[in-house]
Each structure stands twice: as structure tokens, then as C-alpha cells.
Amino acid sequence: MSDAETAIGGLPDSEVVRQNILNNPYALAEIEKAASVTTIEFEGRRLLLKEQVAAFFEVSVRTIENYLSSREAELKANGYRILRGKALRELKLALKSQHVPEIDFGNIARAPQLAVFDFRAFLDIGMLITESERARLLRTAILDIVMDTINRRTGGGTKYINQRDEDFIHAAFVEENYRKEFTDALRDCVAMGNFKYPLYTDKIYVSIFRENAQEYRKVLRLHEKDAVRDTFYAEILDLVASYECGLGDEIRKKADALGRKLTSWETDELFKLFEAQAHWRPLVERARNKMASRDLAFRDALHKQLTEYVTPLKAEEFERFLGEKSKELSERLEEAKDVFRRLKERD
């Protein structure tokens, strides 16, 4: 079992993974179909009373209340709320019209307030509860549905989900140009053998996301013939291109000033000064967050060195890579022919 699978399997302990599931509208729709939970229609939403939730998971109301006490902020953020006043009166009317049997849920008519869960909050507490066999089975089903949904919407695999982003093609094209400028600078200005190309490429990777190419391949389970950069998100490509452009320029300037090629020690020192420049910090932080968070959510891949940067993806991220705007690379290339032609003519 991979580290990511272990993290995802531990839903009660991973708020990030729970939130990724709840923020994925495509998986959520499939889970709702599969769960077939009896709910109450109210204000255009599907709700469950606290007692219904306890009954579904075959635990006591007290158990549910304990989770509400310990995880209140998370559950409220995902749709748990307490109804009072006008909203409560309207809910009671809705319960009557939908023939919800009051005997199952105590004396609703006299209740001064009612705790209700929408479907997201119901799933959230289901991923938290450890005392219920039903909750465990639901978690297993949720994980299967999430991965099946992502795989189905990406055509069967997530290795190149990055290429479904509408920004990918332009980022890849621009990075390729800067890559050549960088390798030309190494060729012309650094007195080392061909080892210098993978060496300084790896230095850039480690500086940005704390992994060299081989380590990155292992995390993403890439095959030998898979090109590492074909799997980079647009933001990563942009930052790699910036490093290559800037470092290549620094190398040329230094070599010109000395009137000779740089030694490996001089190039290493130049790189240390280059990566330590303060303006890289916010860009690197953002790139690490994007890579770590997206790879965990989409590729079931955990970058151990970037664990501290993992955050839940917002719904817009799922739309970006799984929604209507996301497309296979072949479709993007067909649409981008004119763009490529204009860029080439400009050069």
C-alpha cells in the first residue's frame, strides 16, 4: 500500500482528504446516488435530522453529539446547522407535508431547536465515526467512488491529468523555449561533461519541490519512457521556466565577466546565490502547495517532503481538471494550432 493510500484510507484522521472528497462535486453526485439515504427536502436541500443520522449509522444520538462537540467547526463548514425560530417552524411544516414519522425522532413538535445535516455534513460525520460498521463500509464505498469518478472523467488514468488544464499547452510551449536557452548556457559556459544537464536540472527540481527527477518518478509511479515534465502542472512549468531563464542568464553573465567557462564549483555557488533570492519564496511556496495538494487528490500520490504544503482543493480545482473546461491534450492541440503558429512567427 502506498503512503497516499494509507493517508486516504485513514479518513477519520485526515481532514484534508475528507475535504477533498466533499469539495469534489462530481464524486459527490455519484456518492449521493449510491448512498440512497432517506432525507427531508427543505429549502432546496436534502437534510437529515440528528436522530436520522444516528439511526443510519446504528449508533446512539449521544455518539453523534460527541462528534458534533469535538468537530463542530468542520461539520458546520460542511452543512451542519441548528434551526431555530422561523426556519425551525418551516422545517416542522415540511416534516408534516413529507410524512416524516415523529415517533422515530422524539417530540419534534415541542423541540425548541433541531440539529440538521445536509448531505455533505452527513458524509463528513460518516467519515469521522469510528464506532460504526456502517460508517466503515460507507468510507470504503466513498473512496472507490471517488477514484472511479476521477478515472472515468480523465479517460482511465490520472498520470496526465495536468494536461487537461487549459493553461498547460502554453506553459509547456514557453518552458520548452527557456529550456533550450538554459541547456545552451550550460553547453557554452560550464566546463563539465554531459552530466551537467541532468545535474542542474535536478538542482532546480529540488529547489522548487524538494525532489530530484528520480524521486519524483517514484512518487508518481512513472515508467522509464514517461517524460517527467509532461506530468507537471502549468504553475510548475512556469516556475521551472523562470529558474531556467534566470539561471541561464546568470551563468552567461558570469562566464562573460571571467572570460572563460565556469567550473562546477563556481556554477554550484552561482546556483546557491540564485535560488536564495527572496523573490522566489512566494512562487516556490505556491508551486509546492499546488503540486502536493493536487497530486494527493487526483493522483493518489503523496510527496512526503511536501506534506506540510498539502491543503484541501477547492471546488474550482475539480472543475478545472475534471469539468467541462478540462479537455484531453489532443483536443487542446487541435484548438491551439493558430496560437502555436503566431508564437512561432513572433520568434
Protein backbone atom coordinates (compact mmCIF):
# COMPACT_ATOMS: atom_id res chain seq x y z
CA MET A 1 0.00 0.00 0.00
CA SER A 2 1.36 3.44 -0.96
CA ASP A 3 1.79 6.29 1.50
CA ALA A 4 -1.03 8.12 -0.22
CA GLU A 5 -3.33 5.10 0.01
CA THR A 6 -2.55 4.89 3.72
CA ALA A 7 -3.38 8.57 4.16
CA ILE A 8 -6.60 8.30 2.17
CA GLY A 9 -7.61 5.12 3.96
CA GLY A 10 -7.31 6.92 7.27
CA LEU A 11 -10.27 9.19 6.65
CA PRO A 12 -11.10 9.73 10.34
CA ASP A 13 -7.61 11.21 10.78
CA SER A 14 -7.25 13.24 7.58
CA GLU A 15 -9.28 16.42 7.33
CA VAL A 16 -7.57 17.31 4.05
CA VAL A 17 -8.69 14.07 2.39
CA ARG A 18 -12.21 14.37 3.79
CA GLN A 19 -12.48 17.92 2.49
CA ASN A 20 -11.19 16.94 -0.94
CA ILE A 21 -13.99 14.39 -1.19
CA LEU A 22 -16.62 16.86 -0.03
CA ASN A 23 -15.36 19.57 -2.40
CA ASN A 24 -15.45 17.28 -5.46
CA PRO A 25 -18.91 17.89 -6.97
CA TYR A 26 -18.57 15.07 -9.49
CA ALA A 27 -17.74 12.41 -6.91
CA LEU A 28 -20.32 13.86 -4.51
CA ALA A 29 -23.11 13.40 -7.05
CA GLU A 30 -22.14 9.74 -7.56
CA ILE A 31 -21.87 9.10 -3.82
CA GLU A 32 -25.32 10.59 -3.26
CA LYS A 33 -26.80 8.24 -5.87
CA ALA A 34 -25.10 5.22 -4.34
CA ALA A 35 -25.93 6.04 -0.72
CA SER A 36 -29.73 6.17 -1.25
CA VAL A 37 -30.24 7.85 2.12
CA THR A 38 -33.74 8.88 3.16
CA THR A 39 -33.71 12.65 3.54
CA ILE A 40 -36.01 15.62 4.09
CA GLU A 41 -36.45 18.17 1.32
CA PHE A 42 -36.09 21.67 2.76
CA GLU A 43 -35.12 24.97 1.13
CA GLY A 44 -33.91 23.16 -1.96
CA ARG A 45 -31.57 20.94 0.04
CA ARG A 46 -31.67 17.36 1.28
CA LEU A 47 -31.44 17.26 5.06
CA LEU A 48 -31.24 14.66 7.80
CA LEU A 49 -32.09 15.14 11.43
CA LYS A 50 -29.51 14.24 14.04
CA GLU A 51 -31.65 11.25 15.03
CA GLN A 52 -31.78 10.05 11.42
CA VAL A 53 -28.00 10.19 11.20
CA ALA A 54 -27.65 8.16 14.40
CA ALA A 55 -30.17 5.61 13.13
CA PHE A 56 -28.38 5.25 9.77
CA PHE A 57 -25.01 4.57 11.37
CA GLU A 58 -26.54 2.42 14.11
CA VAL A 59 -25.02 4.48 16.91
CA SER A 60 -26.58 6.43 19.77
CA VAL A 61 -27.62 10.06 19.49
CA ARG A 62 -25.07 10.68 22.23
CA THR A 63 -22.30 9.40 19.94
CA ILE A 64 -23.36 11.85 17.24
CA GLU A 65 -23.43 14.67 19.79
CA ASN A 66 -19.90 13.81 20.90
CA TYR A 67 -18.66 14.24 17.31
CA LEU A 68 -20.63 17.46 16.99
CA SER A 69 -18.86 18.75 20.08
CA SER A 70 -15.35 17.74 19.03
CA ARG A 71 -15.65 18.54 15.30
CA GLU A 72 -18.18 21.37 15.34
CA ALA A 73 -16.23 23.81 13.14
CA GLU A 74 -15.58 21.26 10.40
CA LEU A 75 -19.14 19.92 10.39
CA LYS A 76 -20.65 23.43 10.33
CA ALA A 77 -18.42 24.34 7.40
CA ASN A 78 -19.81 21.33 5.55
CA GLY A 79 -23.51 21.92 6.15
CA TYR A 80 -24.40 21.06 9.74
CA ARG A 81 -26.59 23.66 11.45
CA ILE A 82 -29.11 24.17 14.22
CA LEU A 83 -32.51 25.51 13.22
CA ARG A 84 -34.46 27.86 15.46
CA GLY A 85 -37.31 30.36 15.10
CA LYS A 86 -38.81 30.81 11.65
CA ALA A 87 -36.53 28.28 9.96
CA LEU A 88 -37.49 25.66 12.56
CA ARG A 89 -41.22 26.34 12.12
CA GLU A 90 -40.89 25.97 8.37
CA LEU A 91 -38.96 22.72 8.77
CA LYS A 92 -41.70 21.31 11.02
CA LEU A 93 -44.25 22.11 8.33
CA ALA A 94 -42.02 20.38 5.77
CA LEU A 95 -41.77 17.31 8.01
CA LYS A 96 -45.56 17.11 8.21
CA SER A 97 -46.01 17.51 4.47
CA GLN A 98 -43.44 14.78 3.80
CA HIS A 99 -44.97 12.45 6.40
CA VAL A 100 -41.80 12.01 8.41
CA PRO A 101 -42.82 9.79 11.38
CA GLU A 102 -42.25 11.83 14.52
CA ILE A 103 -42.15 8.70 16.67
CA ASP A 104 -38.72 7.94 15.24
CA PHE A 105 -37.21 11.26 16.26
CA GLY A 106 -38.68 12.30 19.57
CA ASN A 107 -41.19 15.05 20.14
CA ILE A 108 -40.41 17.31 17.16
CA ALA A 109 -43.46 19.50 17.70
CA ARG A 110 -42.15 20.72 21.06
CA ALA A 111 -38.46 20.92 20.20
CA PRO A 112 -37.11 24.50 20.58
CA GLN A 113 -34.38 23.70 18.07
CA LEU A 114 -33.33 20.92 15.72
CA ALA A 115 -29.88 19.85 14.56
CA VAL A 116 -29.84 19.09 10.83
CA PHE A 117 -27.23 17.79 8.40
CA ASP A 118 -27.19 18.36 4.68
CA PHE A 119 -25.72 15.55 2.57
CA ARG A 120 -22.15 16.88 2.76
CA ALA A 121 -22.29 17.11 6.56
CA PHE A 122 -23.81 13.61 6.68
CA LEU A 123 -20.90 12.22 4.66
CA ASP A 124 -18.43 14.19 6.76
CA ILE A 125 -19.60 12.69 10.04
CA GLY A 126 -19.74 9.28 8.35
CA MET A 127 -16.04 9.66 7.54
CA LEU A 128 -15.35 10.61 11.16
CA ILE A 129 -17.25 7.95 13.07
CA THR A 130 -15.07 5.02 14.16
CA GLU A 131 -17.65 3.16 16.26
CA SER A 132 -19.89 2.14 13.35
CA GLU A 133 -19.51 -0.75 10.92
CA ARG A 134 -21.89 1.05 8.56
CA ALA A 135 -19.63 4.10 8.63
CA ARG A 136 -16.62 1.92 7.78
CA LEU A 137 -18.45 0.39 4.83
CA LEU A 138 -19.55 3.83 3.67
CA ARG A 139 -15.94 5.07 3.80
CA THR A 140 -14.82 2.17 1.63
CA ALA A 141 -17.58 2.88 -0.88
CA ILE A 142 -16.76 6.60 -0.90
CA LEU A 143 -13.09 6.00 -1.70
CA ASP A 144 -13.96 3.59 -4.52
CA ILE A 145 -16.45 6.05 -6.00
CA VAL A 146 -14.04 8.99 -5.76
CA MET A 147 -11.25 7.18 -7.61
CA ASP A 148 -13.66 5.68 -10.16
CA THR A 149 -15.13 9.12 -10.85
CA ILE A 150 -11.74 10.74 -11.35
CA ASN A 151 -10.53 7.91 -13.58
CA ARG A 152 -13.71 7.94 -15.63
CA ARG A 153 -13.60 11.70 -16.20
CA THR A 154 -9.91 11.56 -17.15
CA GLY A 155 -10.30 8.67 -19.58
CA GLY A 156 -8.98 5.92 -17.32
CA GLY A 157 -5.87 7.41 -15.75
CA THR A 158 -4.57 10.45 -13.91
CA LYS A 159 -0.91 10.42 -14.89
CA TYR A 160 -1.50 13.26 -17.33
CA ILE A 161 -4.42 14.96 -15.61
CA ASN A 162 -2.24 18.09 -15.59
CA GLN A 163 -2.62 18.28 -19.36
CA ARG A 164 -6.39 18.74 -19.08
CA ASP A 165 -5.81 22.24 -17.75
CA GLU A 166 -6.41 24.94 -20.36
CA ASP A 167 -3.16 26.67 -19.27
CA PHE A 168 -0.97 23.60 -19.84
CA ILE A 169 -0.20 23.91 -23.56
CA HIS A 170 1.02 27.49 -23.39
CA ALA A 171 3.09 26.78 -20.28
CA ALA A 172 4.67 23.73 -21.90
CA PHE A 173 5.47 25.61 -25.11
CA VAL A 174 7.07 28.54 -23.30
CA GLU A 175 9.04 26.27 -20.96
CA GLU A 176 10.48 24.36 -23.91
CA ASN A 177 11.94 27.57 -25.32
CA TYR A 178 13.50 28.56 -22.00
CA ARG A 179 14.78 25.01 -21.55
CA LYS A 180 16.83 25.37 -24.73
CA GLU A 181 18.25 28.71 -23.55
CA PHE A 182 19.27 27.04 -20.28
CA THR A 183 20.91 23.99 -21.86
CA ASP A 184 22.69 26.25 -24.38
CA ALA A 185 24.11 28.30 -21.48
CA LEU A 186 25.34 25.11 -19.80
CA ARG A 187 26.87 23.93 -23.07
CA ASP A 188 28.64 27.20 -23.83
CA CYS A 189 29.59 28.41 -20.36
CA VAL A 190 30.15 25.48 -17.95
CA ALA A 191 33.28 23.32 -18.17
CA MET A 192 31.70 19.94 -17.39
CA GLY A 193 30.65 16.88 -19.37
CA ASN A 194 27.09 15.99 -20.35
CA PHE A 195 26.38 15.12 -16.72
CA LYS A 196 25.84 18.83 -16.12
CA TYR A 197 22.43 18.77 -17.85
CA PRO A 198 20.65 16.32 -15.51
CA LEU A 199 22.69 17.61 -12.55
CA TYR A 200 21.49 21.22 -12.76
CA THR A 201 18.01 20.19 -13.84
CA ASP A 202 17.77 18.15 -10.65
CA LYS A 203 19.06 21.11 -8.63
CA ILE A 204 16.17 23.18 -9.99
CA TYR A 205 13.65 20.44 -9.15
CA VAL A 206 14.98 20.03 -5.61
CA SER A 207 14.94 23.78 -5.09
CA ILE A 208 11.30 24.02 -6.19
CA PHE A 209 9.68 20.82 -4.91
CA ARG A 210 12.38 19.07 -2.86
CA GLU A 211 12.66 16.02 -5.14
CA ASN A 212 15.03 15.17 -7.95
CA ALA A 213 13.70 13.63 -11.15
CA GLN A 214 14.19 10.05 -9.97
CA GLU A 215 12.42 10.67 -6.66
CA TYR A 216 9.57 12.40 -8.46
CA ARG A 217 9.23 9.43 -10.84
CA LYS A 218 8.95 7.08 -7.90
CA VAL A 219 6.21 9.13 -6.20
CA LEU A 220 4.13 9.30 -9.39
CA ARG A 221 4.97 5.71 -10.35
CA LEU A 222 6.15 6.78 -13.80
CA HIS A 223 7.53 4.36 -16.35
CA GLU A 224 11.02 4.71 -17.76
CA LYS A 225 9.78 6.24 -21.02
CA ASP A 226 7.46 8.75 -19.32
CA ALA A 227 8.77 12.31 -19.59
CA VAL A 228 8.75 13.97 -16.17
CA ARG A 229 7.79 17.41 -17.50
CA ASP A 230 4.78 16.00 -19.32
CA THR A 231 3.26 15.44 -15.87
CA PHE A 232 3.96 18.92 -14.44
CA TYR A 233 1.09 21.31 -13.74
CA ALA A 234 1.18 24.64 -15.59
CA GLU A 235 2.30 26.52 -12.46
CA ILE A 236 5.25 24.15 -12.01
CA LEU A 237 6.25 24.52 -15.66
CA ASP A 238 6.09 28.30 -15.36
CA LEU A 239 8.36 28.30 -12.31
CA VAL A 240 10.82 25.82 -13.86
CA ALA A 241 10.95 28.05 -16.94
CA SER A 242 11.67 31.08 -14.73
CA TYR A 243 14.50 29.26 -13.00
CA GLU A 244 15.96 28.09 -16.32
CA CYS A 245 15.69 31.52 -17.90
CA GLY A 246 17.19 33.33 -14.93
CA LEU A 247 19.91 30.81 -14.14
CA GLY A 248 20.98 30.53 -17.77
CA ASP A 249 21.33 34.29 -17.93
CA GLU A 250 23.36 34.41 -14.69
CA ILE A 251 25.69 31.70 -15.98
CA ARG A 252 26.34 33.58 -19.22
CA LYS A 253 26.97 36.86 -17.41
CA LYS A 254 29.43 35.24 -15.02
CA ALA A 255 31.28 33.44 -17.79
CA ASP A 256 31.49 36.62 -19.87
CA ALA A 257 32.82 38.56 -16.88
CA LEU A 258 35.53 35.95 -16.27
CA GLY A 259 36.28 35.47 -19.96
CA ARG A 260 36.13 31.68 -19.64
CA LYS A 261 33.83 28.78 -18.82
CA LEU A 262 32.76 28.26 -15.22
CA THR A 263 33.98 25.36 -13.12
CA SER A 264 31.48 23.06 -11.38
CA TRP A 265 32.27 24.75 -8.04
CA GLU A 266 31.65 28.20 -9.47
CA THR A 267 28.38 27.07 -11.06
CA ASP A 268 27.25 25.46 -7.79
CA GLU A 269 27.97 28.67 -5.88
CA LEU A 270 26.13 30.69 -8.51
CA PHE A 271 23.12 28.41 -8.18
CA LYS A 272 23.08 28.76 -4.38
CA LEU A 273 23.02 32.55 -4.66
CA PHE A 274 20.38 32.38 -7.39
CA GLU A 275 17.92 30.16 -5.52
CA ALA A 276 18.36 32.15 -2.30
CA GLN A 277 16.92 35.31 -3.86
CA ALA A 278 13.91 36.40 -1.82
CA HIS A 279 11.56 36.88 -4.76
CA TRP A 280 11.44 33.10 -5.35
CA ARG A 281 9.94 32.37 -1.93
CA PRO A 282 6.23 33.07 -2.58
CA LEU A 283 6.39 31.43 -6.02
CA VAL A 284 8.02 28.30 -4.64
CA GLU A 285 5.55 28.13 -1.74
CA ARG A 286 2.63 28.32 -4.17
CA ALA A 287 4.13 25.72 -6.51
CA ARG A 288 4.70 23.29 -3.64
CA ASN A 289 1.12 23.73 -2.47
CA LYS A 290 -0.29 23.12 -5.95
CA MET A 291 1.83 20.04 -6.62
CA ALA A 292 1.38 18.41 -3.21
CA SER A 293 -2.35 19.09 -2.91
CA ARG A 294 -3.33 18.18 -6.47
CA ASP A 295 -1.22 15.03 -6.61
CA LEU A 296 -2.75 13.72 -3.41
CA ALA A 297 -6.30 14.49 -4.55
CA PHE A 298 -6.04 13.47 -8.20
CA ARG A 299 -3.16 11.02 -8.47
CA ASP A 300 -3.27 9.31 -5.07
CA ALA A 301 0.39 10.37 -4.78
CA LEU A 302 1.90 11.73 -1.59
CA HIS A 303 5.09 13.84 -1.79
CA LYS A 304 6.50 13.20 1.69
CA GLN A 305 8.83 16.19 1.52
CA LEU A 306 5.84 18.45 0.81
CA THR A 307 3.38 17.11 3.38
CA GLU A 308 3.28 20.46 5.19
CA TYR A 309 2.04 22.12 1.99
CA VAL A 310 -0.98 19.84 1.45
CA THR A 311 -4.34 21.62 1.68
CA PRO A 312 -7.84 20.64 0.50
CA LEU A 313 -8.67 21.50 -3.09
CA LYS A 314 -11.48 23.93 -3.70
CA ALA A 315 -14.41 23.04 -5.95
CA GLU A 316 -12.92 25.24 -8.69
CA GLU A 317 -9.87 22.97 -8.86
CA PHE A 318 -12.03 19.92 -9.53
CA GLU A 319 -13.86 21.89 -12.22
CA ARG A 320 -10.52 22.94 -13.73
CA PHE A 321 -9.24 19.38 -14.16
CA LEU A 322 -12.44 17.29 -14.31
CA GLY A 323 -15.16 19.66 -15.50
CA GLU A 324 -16.44 20.89 -18.83
CA LYS A 325 -13.48 23.23 -19.39
CA SER A 326 -10.96 20.40 -18.99
CA LYS A 327 -10.08 18.50 -22.15
CA GLU A 328 -7.69 15.86 -23.43
CA LEU A 329 -4.38 17.21 -24.73
CA SER A 330 -5.21 16.12 -28.29
CA GLU A 331 -8.30 18.35 -28.26
CA ARG A 332 -6.29 21.25 -26.86
CA LEU A 333 -3.60 20.85 -29.52
CA GLU A 334 -6.17 20.93 -32.29
CA GLU A 335 -7.63 24.15 -30.89
CA ALA A 336 -4.20 25.68 -30.32
CA LYS A 337 -2.76 25.36 -33.84
CA ASP A 338 -3.29 29.03 -34.60
CA VAL A 339 -1.79 30.06 -31.27
CA PHE A 340 1.34 27.99 -31.91
CA ARG A 341 1.71 29.46 -35.37
CA ARG A 342 1.51 33.05 -34.07
CA LEU A 343 4.05 32.31 -31.31
CA LYS A 344 6.49 30.79 -33.80
CA GLU A 345 6.09 33.72 -36.18
CA ARG A 346 6.81 36.14 -33.30
CA ASP A 347 10.10 34.31 -32.58
